[in-house]
PDB file of N, CA and C in Angstrom:
ATOM      1  N   MET A   1      42.544 -66.239  -1.520  1.00  0.00           N
ATOM      2  CA  MET A   1      41.614 -65.163  -0.305  1.00  0.00           C
ATOM      3  C   MET A   1      40.959 -66.303   0.619  1.00  0.00           C
ATOM      4  N   LYS A   2      41.244 -65.438   2.628  1.00  0.00           N
ATOM      5  CA  LYS A   2      41.240 -66.430   3.225  1.00  0.00           C
ATOM      6  C   LYS A   2      39.816 -66.050   3.843  1.00  0.00           C
ATOM      7  N   ILE A   3      39.280 -67.340   3.689  1.00  0.00           N
ATOM      8  CA  ILE A   3      38.194 -67.529   4.644  1.00  0.00           C
ATOM      9  C   ILE A   3      38.192 -67.634   5.535  1.00  0.00           C
ATOM     10  N   LYS A   4      37.489 -66.747   7.046  1.00  0.00           N
ATOM     11  CA  LYS A   4      37.493 -67.713   8.409  1.00  0.00           C
ATOM     12  C   LYS A   4      36.422 -68.277   8.648  1.00  0.00           C
ATOM     13  N   ASN A   5      34.600 -67.763   8.232  1.00  0.00           N
ATOM     14  CA  ASN A   5      33.094 -68.822   8.563  1.00  0.00           C
ATOM     15  C   ASN A   5      33.225 -70.263   8.411  1.00  0.00           C
ATOM     16  N   LYS A   6      33.388 -71.378   9.592  1.00  0.00           N
ATOM     17  CA  LYS A   6      33.489 -72.200  10.210  1.00  0.00           C
ATOM     18  C   LYS A   6      32.639 -72.885   8.737  1.00  0.00           C
ATOM     19  N   ILE A   7      30.913 -71.947   8.181  1.00  0.00           N
ATOM     20  CA  ILE A   7      30.052 -72.698   8.266  1.00  0.00           C
ATOM     21  C   ILE A   7      30.272 -72.941   6.133  1.00  0.00           C
ATOM     22  N   TRP A   8      31.630 -71.432   5.618  1.00  0.00           N
ATOM     23  CA  TRP A   8      32.077 -71.938   3.943  1.00  0.00           C
ATOM     24  C   TRP A   8      33.328 -72.803   4.626  1.00  0.00           C
ATOM     25  N   GLN A   9      34.014 -73.479   5.564  1.00  0.00           N
ATOM     26  CA  GLN A   9      35.529 -73.567   5.399  1.00  0.00           C
ATOM     27  C   GLN A   9      34.714 -75.129   5.579  1.00  0.00           C
ATOM     28  N   ASP A  10      34.056 -75.385   6.208  1.00  0.00           N
ATOM     29  CA  ASP A  10      33.146 -77.149   6.422  1.00  0.00           C
ATOM     30  C   ASP A  10      32.588 -77.198   4.298  1.00  0.00           C
ATOM     31  N   PHE A  11      32.008 -76.320   4.231  1.00  0.00           N
ATOM     32  CA  PHE A  11      31.611 -76.606   2.944  1.00  0.00           C
ATOM     33  C   PHE A  11      32.103 -76.270   1.889  1.00  0.00           C
ATOM     34  N   LYS A  12      33.508 -76.160   2.463  1.00  0.00           N
ATOM     35  CA  LYS A  12      34.407 -76.177   1.357  1.00  0.00           C
ATOM     36  C   LYS A  12      35.633 -77.655   1.403  1.00  0.00           C
ATOM     37  N   SER A  13      35.688 -78.091   2.783  1.00  0.00           N
ATOM     38  CA  SER A  13      35.714 -79.429   2.607  1.00  0.00           C
ATOM     39  C   SER A  13      34.998 -80.251   2.112  1.00  0.00           C
ATOM     40  N   GLU A  14      33.575 -80.373   1.871  1.00  0.00           N
ATOM     41  CA  GLU A  14      33.104 -81.322   0.900  1.00  0.00           C
ATOM     42  C   GLU A  14      32.796 -81.396  -0.882  1.00  0.00           C
ATOM     43  N   ILE A  15      33.913 -79.933  -0.934  1.00  0.00           N
ATOM     44  CA  ILE A  15      34.449 -79.520  -2.394  1.00  0.00           C
ATOM     45  C   ILE A  15      34.955 -80.221  -3.180  1.00  0.00           C
ATOM     46  N   LEU A  16      36.149 -80.314  -1.456  1.00  0.00           N
ATOM     47  CA  LEU A  16      37.329 -81.639  -2.254  1.00  0.00           C
ATOM     48  C   LEU A  16      37.419 -82.794  -2.363  1.00  0.00           C
ATOM     49  N   ASN A  17      36.080 -83.211  -1.564  1.00  0.00           N
ATOM     50  CA  ASN A  17      35.597 -84.255  -1.444  1.00  0.00           C
ATOM     51  C   ASN A  17      34.894 -84.696  -2.451  1.00  0.00           C
ATOM     52  N   LEU A  18      34.483 -84.232  -3.833  1.00  0.00           N
ATOM     53  CA  LEU A  18      33.840 -84.350  -5.065  1.00  0.00           C
ATOM     54  C   LEU A  18      34.589 -84.074  -6.082  1.00  0.00           C
ATOM     55  N   ALA A  19      36.034 -83.906  -6.185  1.00  0.00           N
ATOM     56  CA  ALA A  19      37.338 -83.904  -6.610  1.00  0.00           C
ATOM     57  C   ALA A  19      37.275 -84.853  -7.389  1.00  0.00           C
ATOM     58  N   ASP A  20      36.599 -85.759  -7.247  1.00  0.00           N
ATOM     59  CA  ASP A  20      36.891 -87.151  -8.634  1.00  0.00           C
ATOM     60  C   ASP A  20      35.814 -87.503  -9.449  1.00  0.00           C
ATOM     61  N   PHE A  21      34.312 -86.721  -8.993  1.00  0.00           N
ATOM     62  CA  PHE A  21      33.573 -86.347 -10.241  1.00  0.00           C
ATOM     63  C   PHE A  21      33.367 -85.340 -11.326  1.00  0.00           C
ATOM     64  N   ILE A  22      34.821 -85.026 -11.139  1.00  0.00           N
ATOM     65  CA  ILE A  22      35.070 -84.640 -12.223  1.00  0.00           C
ATOM     66  C   ILE A  22      35.499 -84.696 -13.757  1.00  0.00           C
ATOM     67  N   GLY A  23      35.923 -85.448 -13.114  1.00  0.00           N
ATOM     68  CA  GLY A  23      37.409 -86.048 -14.461  1.00  0.00           C
ATOM     69  C   GLY A  23      37.624 -85.681 -15.627  1.00  0.00           C
ATOM     70  N   ASP A  24      39.174 -86.183 -16.472  1.00  0.00           N
ATOM     71  CA  ASP A  24      39.855 -86.189 -16.813  1.00  0.00           C
ATOM     72  C   ASP A  24      40.096 -84.369 -16.422  1.00  0.00           C
ATOM     73  N   GLU A  25      39.460 -83.996 -16.411  1.00  0.00           N
ATOM     74  CA  GLU A  25      39.496 -82.200 -16.591  1.00  0.00           C
ATOM     75  C   GLU A  25      40.146 -81.250 -15.638  1.00  0.00           C
ATOM     76  N   TRP A  26      39.781 -82.808 -14.262  1.00  0.00           N
ATOM     77  CA  TRP A  26      40.296 -82.057 -12.970  1.00  0.00           C
ATOM     78  C   TRP A  26      41.300 -82.378 -12.486  1.00  0.00           C
ATOM     79  N   ASP A  27      41.990 -83.442 -13.369  1.00  0.00           N
ATOM     80  CA  ASP A  27      43.725 -82.480 -13.647  1.00  0.00           C
ATOM     81  C   ASP A  27      44.664 -81.901 -13.029  1.00  0.00           C
ATOM     82  N   LYS A  28      43.747 -80.755 -14.729  1.00  0.00           N
ATOM     83  CA  LYS A  28      44.057 -79.189 -15.517  1.00  0.00           C
ATOM     84  C   LYS A  28      43.863 -78.413 -13.909  1.00  0.00           C
ATOM     85  N   PHE A  29      42.965 -79.033 -13.071  1.00  0.00           N
ATOM     86  CA  PHE A  29      42.276 -77.746 -11.741  1.00  0.00           C
ATOM     87  C   PHE A  29      44.269 -77.532 -10.091  1.00  0.00           C
ATOM     88  N   ASP A  30      43.923 -77.195 -10.035  1.00  0.00           N
ATOM     89  CA  ASP A  30      44.912 -77.021  -8.602  1.00  0.00           C
ATOM     90  C   ASP A  30      43.991 -75.624  -8.017  1.00  0.00           C
ATOM     91  N   ILE A  31      43.437 -76.610  -6.680  1.00  0.00           N
ATOM     92  CA  ILE A  31      42.615 -75.968  -5.678  1.00  0.00           C
ATOM     93  C   ILE A  31      43.257 -77.061  -4.107  1.00  0.00           C
ATOM     94  N   PRO A  32      43.609 -75.149  -3.714  1.00  0.00           N
ATOM     95  CA  PRO A  32      44.325 -75.595  -2.613  1.00  0.00           C
ATOM     96  C   PRO A  32      43.488 -76.098  -1.447  1.00  0.00           C
ATOM     97  N   GLU A  33      44.548 -76.841  -0.634  1.00  0.00           N
ATOM     98  CA  GLU A  33      43.842 -77.773   0.204  1.00  0.00           C
ATOM     99  C   GLU A  33      42.873 -76.834   1.323  1.00  0.00           C
ATOM    100  N   GLU A  34      43.829 -75.555   1.653  1.00  0.00           N
ATOM    101  CA  GLU A  34      43.579 -75.281   3.214  1.00  0.00           C
ATOM    102  C   GLU A  34      41.843 -75.095   3.018  1.00  0.00           C
ATOM    103  N   VAL A  35      41.131 -75.128   4.423  1.00  0.00           N
ATOM    104  CA  VAL A  35      40.002 -75.253   3.549  1.00  0.00           C
ATOM    105  C   VAL A  35      39.409 -73.757   3.929  1.00  0.00           C
ATOM    106  N   ASP A  36      39.512 -72.199   4.231  1.00  0.00           N
ATOM    107  CA  ASP A  36      39.963 -70.911   4.008  1.00  0.00           C
ATOM    108  C   ASP A  36      40.350 -70.315   3.292  1.00  0.00           C
ATOM    109  N   ASN A  37      40.189 -70.810   2.056  1.00  0.00           N
ATOM    110  CA  ASN A  37      41.477 -70.480   1.027  1.00  0.00           C
ATOM    111  C   ASN A  37      39.874 -71.270  -0.336  1.00  0.00           C
ATOM    112  N   PHE A  38      39.541 -70.364  -0.982  1.00  0.00           N
ATOM    113  CA  PHE A  38      38.367 -70.627  -2.072  1.00  0.00           C
ATOM    114  C   PHE A  38      39.224 -70.131  -3.844  1.00  0.00           C
ATOM    115  N   LYS A  39      40.134 -69.857  -3.367  1.00  0.00           N
ATOM    116  CA  LYS A  39      40.518 -69.521  -4.683  1.00  0.00           C
ATOM    117  C   LYS A  39      41.029 -70.633  -5.771  1.00  0.00           C
ATOM    118  N   ILE A  40      40.998 -70.756  -6.739  1.00  0.00           N
ATOM    119  CA  ILE A  40      41.232 -72.047  -7.936  1.00  0.00           C
ATOM    120  C   ILE A  40      42.375 -71.834  -8.648  1.00  0.00           C
ATOM    121  N   TYR A  41      42.718 -73.201  -9.308  1.00  0.00           N
ATOM    122  CA  TYR A  41      43.757 -72.501 -10.353  1.00  0.00           C
ATOM    123  C   TYR A  41      43.493 -73.483 -11.397  1.00  0.00           C
ATOM    124  N   VAL A  42      43.374 -73.112 -13.175  1.00  0.00           N
ATOM    125  CA  VAL A  42      43.265 -73.509 -13.799  1.00  0.00           C
ATOM    126  C   VAL A  42      44.519 -73.550 -15.037  1.00  0.00           C
ATOM    127  N   GLY A  43      45.406 -74.487 -15.089  1.00  0.00           N
ATOM    128  CA  GLY A  43      47.238 -73.714 -15.661  1.00  0.00           C
ATOM    129  C   GLY A  43      47.278 -73.014 -15.156  1.00  0.00           C
ATOM    130  N   ASP A  44      47.897 -71.115 -15.555  1.00  0.00           N
ATOM    131  CA  ASP A  44      48.772 -70.416 -15.363  1.00  0.00           C
ATOM    132  C   ASP A  44      47.174 -69.518 -15.058  1.00  0.00           C
ATOM    133  N   CYS A  45      45.638 -69.709 -14.609  1.00  0.00           N
ATOM    134  CA  CYS A  45      44.768 -69.263 -14.648  1.00  0.00           C
ATOM    135  C   CYS A  45      43.885 -69.006 -13.153  1.00  0.00           C
ATOM    136  N   GLU A  46      44.278 -67.718 -13.006  1.00  0.00           N
ATOM    137  CA  GLU A  46      43.609 -67.492 -11.235  1.00  0.00           C
ATOM    138  C   GLU A  46      41.663 -67.672 -10.932  1.00  0.00           C
ATOM    139  N   VAL A  47      41.269 -67.598 -10.677  1.00  0.00           N
ATOM    140  CA  VAL A  47      39.786 -67.391 -10.668  1.00  0.00           C
ATOM    141  C   VAL A  47      39.352 -67.472  -8.807  1.00  0.00           C
ATOM    142  N   PHE A  48      38.679 -66.299  -9.057  1.00  0.00           N
ATOM    143  CA  PHE A  48      37.982 -66.298  -7.451  1.00  0.00           C
ATOM    144  C   PHE A  48      36.063 -66.692  -7.715  1.00  0.00           C
ATOM    145  N   PRO A  49      35.991 -67.079  -6.225  1.00  0.00           N
ATOM    146  CA  PRO A  49      34.813 -67.948  -6.113  1.00  0.00           C
ATOM    147  C   PRO A  49      33.017 -66.717  -6.775  1.00  0.00           C
ATOM    148  N   ILE A  50      32.503 -66.774  -6.733  1.00  0.00           N
ATOM    149  CA  ILE A  50      30.912 -66.673  -6.574  1.00  0.00           C
ATOM    150  C   ILE A  50      30.886 -66.817  -5.110  1.00  0.00           C
ATOM    151  N   PHE A  51      29.993 -66.734  -4.287  1.00  0.00           N
ATOM    152  CA  PHE A  51      29.474 -67.270  -3.177  1.00  0.00           C
ATOM    153  C   PHE A  51      27.571 -66.769  -3.090  1.00  0.00           C
ATOM    154  N   THR A  52      26.999 -67.495  -2.949  1.00  0.00           N
ATOM    155  CA  THR A  52      25.186 -66.931  -1.954  1.00  0.00           C
ATOM    156  C   THR A  52      25.365 -68.092  -0.904  1.00  0.00           C
ATOM    157  N   ASN A  53      24.972 -66.961  -0.302  1.00  0.00           N
ATOM    158  CA  ASN A  53      24.363 -68.200   1.340  1.00  0.00           C
ATOM    159  C   ASN A  53      23.014 -67.610   1.216  1.00  0.00           C
ATOM    160  N   LYS A  54      22.282 -68.108   0.912  1.00  0.00           N
ATOM    161  CA  LYS A  54      20.338 -68.085   0.566  1.00  0.00           C
ATOM    162  C   LYS A  54      20.005 -68.887   1.661  1.00  0.00           C
ATOM    163  N   ASP A  55      19.329 -69.021   3.136  1.00  0.00           N
ATOM    164  CA  ASP A  55      18.129 -69.803   3.709  1.00  0.00           C
ATOM    165  C   ASP A  55      19.138 -71.212   3.703  1.00  0.00           C
ATOM    166  N   ASP A  56      18.526 -72.717   3.280  1.00  0.00           N
ATOM    167  CA  ASP A  56      19.842 -73.086   3.538  1.00  0.00           C
ATOM    168  C   ASP A  56      19.826 -73.875   2.708  1.00  0.00           C
ATOM    169  N   LEU A  57      20.708 -72.355   1.454  1.00  0.00           N
ATOM    170  CA  LEU A  57      21.360 -72.542   0.367  1.00  0.00           C
ATOM    171  C   LEU A  57      22.819 -72.452   0.443  1.00  0.00           C
ATOM    172  N   LEU A  58      24.038 -72.840   0.298  1.00  0.00           N
ATOM    173  CA  LEU A  58      25.930 -72.824   0.009  1.00  0.00           C
ATOM    174  C   LEU A  58      25.634 -73.083  -1.042  1.00  0.00           C
ATOM    175  N   ARG A  59      26.541 -71.756  -1.010  1.00  0.00           N
ATOM    176  CA  ARG A  59      26.633 -72.254  -2.986  1.00  0.00           C
ATOM    177  C   ARG A  59      28.217 -71.817  -3.488  1.00  0.00           C
ATOM    178  N   VAL A  60      29.015 -72.110  -4.104  1.00  0.00           N
ATOM    179  CA  VAL A  60      30.454 -71.006  -4.692  1.00  0.00           C
ATOM    180  C   VAL A  60      29.727 -71.843  -6.507  1.00  0.00           C
ATOM    181  N   GLU A  61      30.352 -70.760  -7.243  1.00  0.00           N
ATOM    182  CA  GLU A  61      30.849 -71.073  -8.403  1.00  0.00           C
ATOM    183  C   GLU A  61      31.997 -70.136  -9.138  1.00  0.00           C
ATOM    184  N   TYR A  62      32.115 -70.495 -10.467  1.00  0.00           N
ATOM    185  CA  TYR A  62      33.274 -70.372 -10.470  1.00  0.00           C
ATOM    186  C   TYR A  62      32.968 -70.703 -12.121  1.00  0.00           C
ATOM    187  N   ASP A  63      33.649 -68.911 -12.174  1.00  0.00           N
ATOM    188  CA  ASP A  63      33.797 -68.890 -14.124  1.00  0.00           C
ATOM    189  C   ASP A  63      34.862 -68.559 -14.581  1.00  0.00           C
ATOM    190  N   LEU A  64      35.340 -69.847 -15.585  1.00  0.00           N
ATOM    191  CA  LEU A  64      36.736 -70.020 -16.252  1.00  0.00           C
ATOM    192  C   LEU A  64      36.646 -70.422 -17.344  1.00  0.00           C
ATOM    193  N   SER A  65      35.933 -69.299 -18.033  1.00  0.00           N
ATOM    194  CA  SER A  65      35.594 -68.984 -19.469  1.00  0.00           C
ATOM    195  C   SER A  65      37.020 -68.375 -20.387  1.00  0.00           C
ATOM    196  N   LEU A  66      37.507 -68.194 -19.435  1.00  0.00           N
ATOM    197  CA  LEU A  66      39.182 -67.594 -19.731  1.00  0.00           C
ATOM    198  C   LEU A  66      40.166 -68.290 -19.091  1.00  0.00           C
ATOM    199  N   CYS A  67      39.876 -69.530 -18.466  1.00  0.00           N
ATOM    200  CA  CYS A  67      40.548 -70.436 -18.631  1.00  0.00           C
ATOM    201  C   CYS A  67      40.859 -71.347 -20.113  1.00  0.00           C
ATOM    202  N   GLU A  68      41.791 -72.396 -20.145  1.00  0.00           N
ATOM    203  CA  GLU A  68      41.983 -73.180 -20.951  1.00  0.00           C
ATOM    204  C   GLU A  68      42.153 -74.838 -20.272  1.00  0.00           C
ATOM    205  N   THR A  69      40.740 -75.161 -20.260  1.00  0.00           N
ATOM    206  CA  THR A  69      39.842 -75.366 -19.835  1.00  0.00           C
ATOM    207  C   THR A  69      38.450 -76.233 -20.628  1.00  0.00           C
ATOM    208  N   LYS A  70      38.252 -77.398 -20.802  1.00  0.00           N
ATOM    209  CA  LYS A  70      36.786 -77.411 -21.925  1.00  0.00           C
ATOM    210  C   LYS A  70      35.310 -76.837 -20.653  1.00  0.00           C
ATOM    211  N   LEU A  71      36.156 -77.154 -19.579  1.00  0.00           N
ATOM    212  CA  LEU A  71      34.194 -76.742 -18.466  1.00  0.00           C
ATOM    213  C   LEU A  71      34.495 -75.299 -18.955  1.00  0.00           C
ATOM    214  N   ARG A  72      33.337 -74.246 -19.176  1.00  0.00           N
ATOM    215  CA  ARG A  72      32.973 -72.835 -18.894  1.00  0.00           C
ATOM    216  C   ARG A  72      32.976 -72.765 -17.155  1.00  0.00           C
ATOM    217  N   THR A  73      31.906 -73.611 -16.976  1.00  0.00           N
ATOM    218  CA  THR A  73      31.215 -73.122 -15.318  1.00  0.00           C
ATOM    219  C   THR A  73      31.547 -74.415 -14.594  1.00  0.00           C
ATOM    220  N   ILE A  74      31.601 -73.493 -13.702  1.00  0.00           N
ATOM    221  CA  ILE A  74      31.426 -75.393 -12.297  1.00  0.00           C
ATOM    222  C   ILE A  74      30.665 -74.552 -10.418  1.00  0.00           C
ATOM    223  N   SER A  75      29.361 -75.223 -10.521  1.00  0.00           N
ATOM    224  CA  SER A  75      29.859 -74.733  -9.561  1.00  0.00           C
ATOM    225  C   SER A  75      28.800 -75.658  -8.315  1.00  0.00           C
ATOM    226  N   VAL A  76      29.314 -75.760  -7.403  1.00  0.00           N
ATOM    227  CA  VAL A  76      29.323 -76.977  -5.763  1.00  0.00           C
ATOM    228  C   VAL A  76      28.226 -76.344  -5.047  1.00  0.00           C
ATOM    229  N   SER A  77      27.125 -76.263  -5.047  1.00  0.00           N
ATOM    230  CA  SER A  77      26.382 -76.250  -4.079  1.00  0.00           C
ATOM    231  C   SER A  77      25.409 -77.379  -2.638  1.00  0.00           C
ATOM    232  N   THR A  78      24.759 -76.697  -2.695  1.00  0.00           N
ATOM    233  CA  THR A  78      24.280 -77.785  -1.114  1.00  0.00           C
ATOM    234  C   THR A  78      23.182 -76.945  -0.622  1.00  0.00           C
ATOM    235  N   PHE A  79      21.315 -77.648  -0.539  1.00  0.00           N
ATOM    236  CA  PHE A  79      20.147 -77.431  -0.314  1.00  0.00           C
ATOM    237  C   PHE A  79      19.542 -78.147   0.995  1.00  0.00           C
ATOM    238  N   LYS A  80      19.741 -78.091   1.531  1.00  0.00           N
ATOM    239  CA  LYS A  80      19.049 -78.452   2.639  1.00  0.00           C
ATOM    240  C   LYS A  80      19.314 -80.484   2.847  1.00  0.00           C
ATOM    241  N   GLY A  81      20.591 -80.067   3.355  1.00  0.00           N
ATOM    242  CA  GLY A  81      21.772 -81.481   2.937  1.00  0.00           C
ATOM    243  C   GLY A  81      22.272 -82.548   2.209  1.00  0.00           C
ATOM    244  N   GLU A  82      22.141 -81.644   0.764  1.00  0.00           N
ATOM    245  CA  GLU A  82      22.174 -82.693  -0.350  1.00  0.00           C
ATOM    246  C   GLU A  82      22.425 -81.702  -1.282  1.00  0.00           C
ATOM    247  N   THR A  83      24.405 -82.077  -1.339  1.00  0.00           N
ATOM    248  CA  THR A  83      24.673 -81.571  -2.082  1.00  0.00           C
ATOM    249  C   THR A  83      24.480 -81.926  -4.227  1.00  0.00           C
ATOM    250  N   ARG A  84      25.051 -81.088  -4.638  1.00  0.00           N
ATOM    251  CA  ARG A  84      25.533 -80.655  -6.176  1.00  0.00           C
ATOM    252  C   ARG A  84      25.932 -80.508  -7.134  1.00  0.00           C
ATOM    253  N   VAL A  85      27.236 -80.850  -7.807  1.00  0.00           N
ATOM    254  CA  VAL A  85      28.117 -80.611  -8.794  1.00  0.00           C
ATOM    255  C   VAL A  85      27.108 -79.648  -9.911  1.00  0.00           C
ATOM    256  N   GLY A  86      27.490 -78.744 -10.092  1.00  0.00           N
ATOM    257  CA  GLY A  86      27.001 -77.781 -11.514  1.00  0.00           C
ATOM    258  C   GLY A  86      28.162 -78.202 -12.252  1.00  0.00           C
ATOM    259  N   ILE A  87      28.612 -78.716 -14.016  1.00  0.00           N
ATOM    260  CA  ILE A  87      29.310 -78.094 -14.945  1.00  0.00           C
ATOM    261  C   ILE A  87      28.534 -77.466 -16.094  1.00  0.00           C
ATOM    262  N   THR A  88      29.350 -76.666 -16.918  1.00  0.00           N
ATOM    263  CA  THR A  88      28.746 -76.287 -17.731  1.00  0.00           C
ATOM    264  C   THR A  88      29.748 -76.021 -19.530  1.00  0.00           C
ATOM    265  N   LEU A  89      30.544 -76.647 -19.692  1.00  0.00           N
ATOM    266  CA  LEU A  89      31.113 -76.776 -20.794  1.00  0.00           C
ATOM    267  C   LEU A  89      30.816 -75.641 -21.916  1.00  0.00           C
ATOM    268  N   LYS A  90      32.349 -75.092 -22.180  1.00  0.00           N
ATOM    269  CA  LYS A  90      32.069 -73.977 -23.120  1.00  0.00           C
ATOM    270  C   LYS A  90      31.834 -75.041 -24.851  1.00  0.00           C
ATOM    271  N   PRO A  91      31.067 -73.759 -25.630  1.00  0.00           N
ATOM    272  CA  PRO A  91      30.192 -74.639 -26.869  1.00  0.00           C
ATOM    273  C   PRO A  91      31.037 -75.671 -27.667  1.00  0.00           C
ATOM    274  N   THR A  92      32.129 -74.967 -27.324  1.00  0.00           N
ATOM    275  CA  THR A  92      33.910 -75.510 -28.762  1.00  0.00           C
ATOM    276  C   THR A  92      33.881 -77.191 -28.433  1.00  0.00           C
ATOM    277  N   PHE A  93      33.984 -77.392 -26.921  1.00  0.00           N
ATOM    278  CA  PHE A  93      34.081 -78.928 -26.130  1.00  0.00           C
ATOM    279  C   PHE A  93      32.403 -79.708 -26.414  1.00  0.00           C
ATOM    280  N   LYS A  94      31.594 -79.080 -27.132  1.00  0.00           N
ATOM    281  CA  LYS A  94      30.104 -79.565 -26.936  1.00  0.00           C
ATOM    282  C   LYS A  94      30.068 -80.665 -27.800  1.00  0.00           C
ATOM    283  N   ASN A  95      29.741 -82.419 -27.714  1.00  0.00           N
ATOM    284  CA  ASN A  95      29.383 -82.832 -28.726  1.00  0.00           C
ATOM    285  C   ASN A  95      30.689 -83.484 -28.930  1.00  0.00           C
ATOM    286  N   LYS A  96      31.422 -83.572 -28.737  1.00  0.00           N
ATOM    287  CA  LYS A  96      33.029 -84.377 -29.023  1.00  0.00           C
ATOM    288  C   LYS A  96      33.368 -85.217 -28.695  1.00  0.00           C
TER     289      LYS A  96
END
């Protein structure tokens, strides 16, 4: 999936810079380095993004429910210049 919008391409660059924060699960992820491609892979699982663009908020979210990972969702957002990473764990992996 190719995105031509420069704002989203710059945002994708920020996502790539935040990769170190996700921990051991990150090794399962394949995130294309092209800033215009937001599709990701977790093993053989292909995941498409959900975009939000409101006022000062940019967010991209991925639903990993069907993928072989401990993560259910991952999102990266920026609001008024501050970047946030959100991770939700699958219930079977909580408290282990």
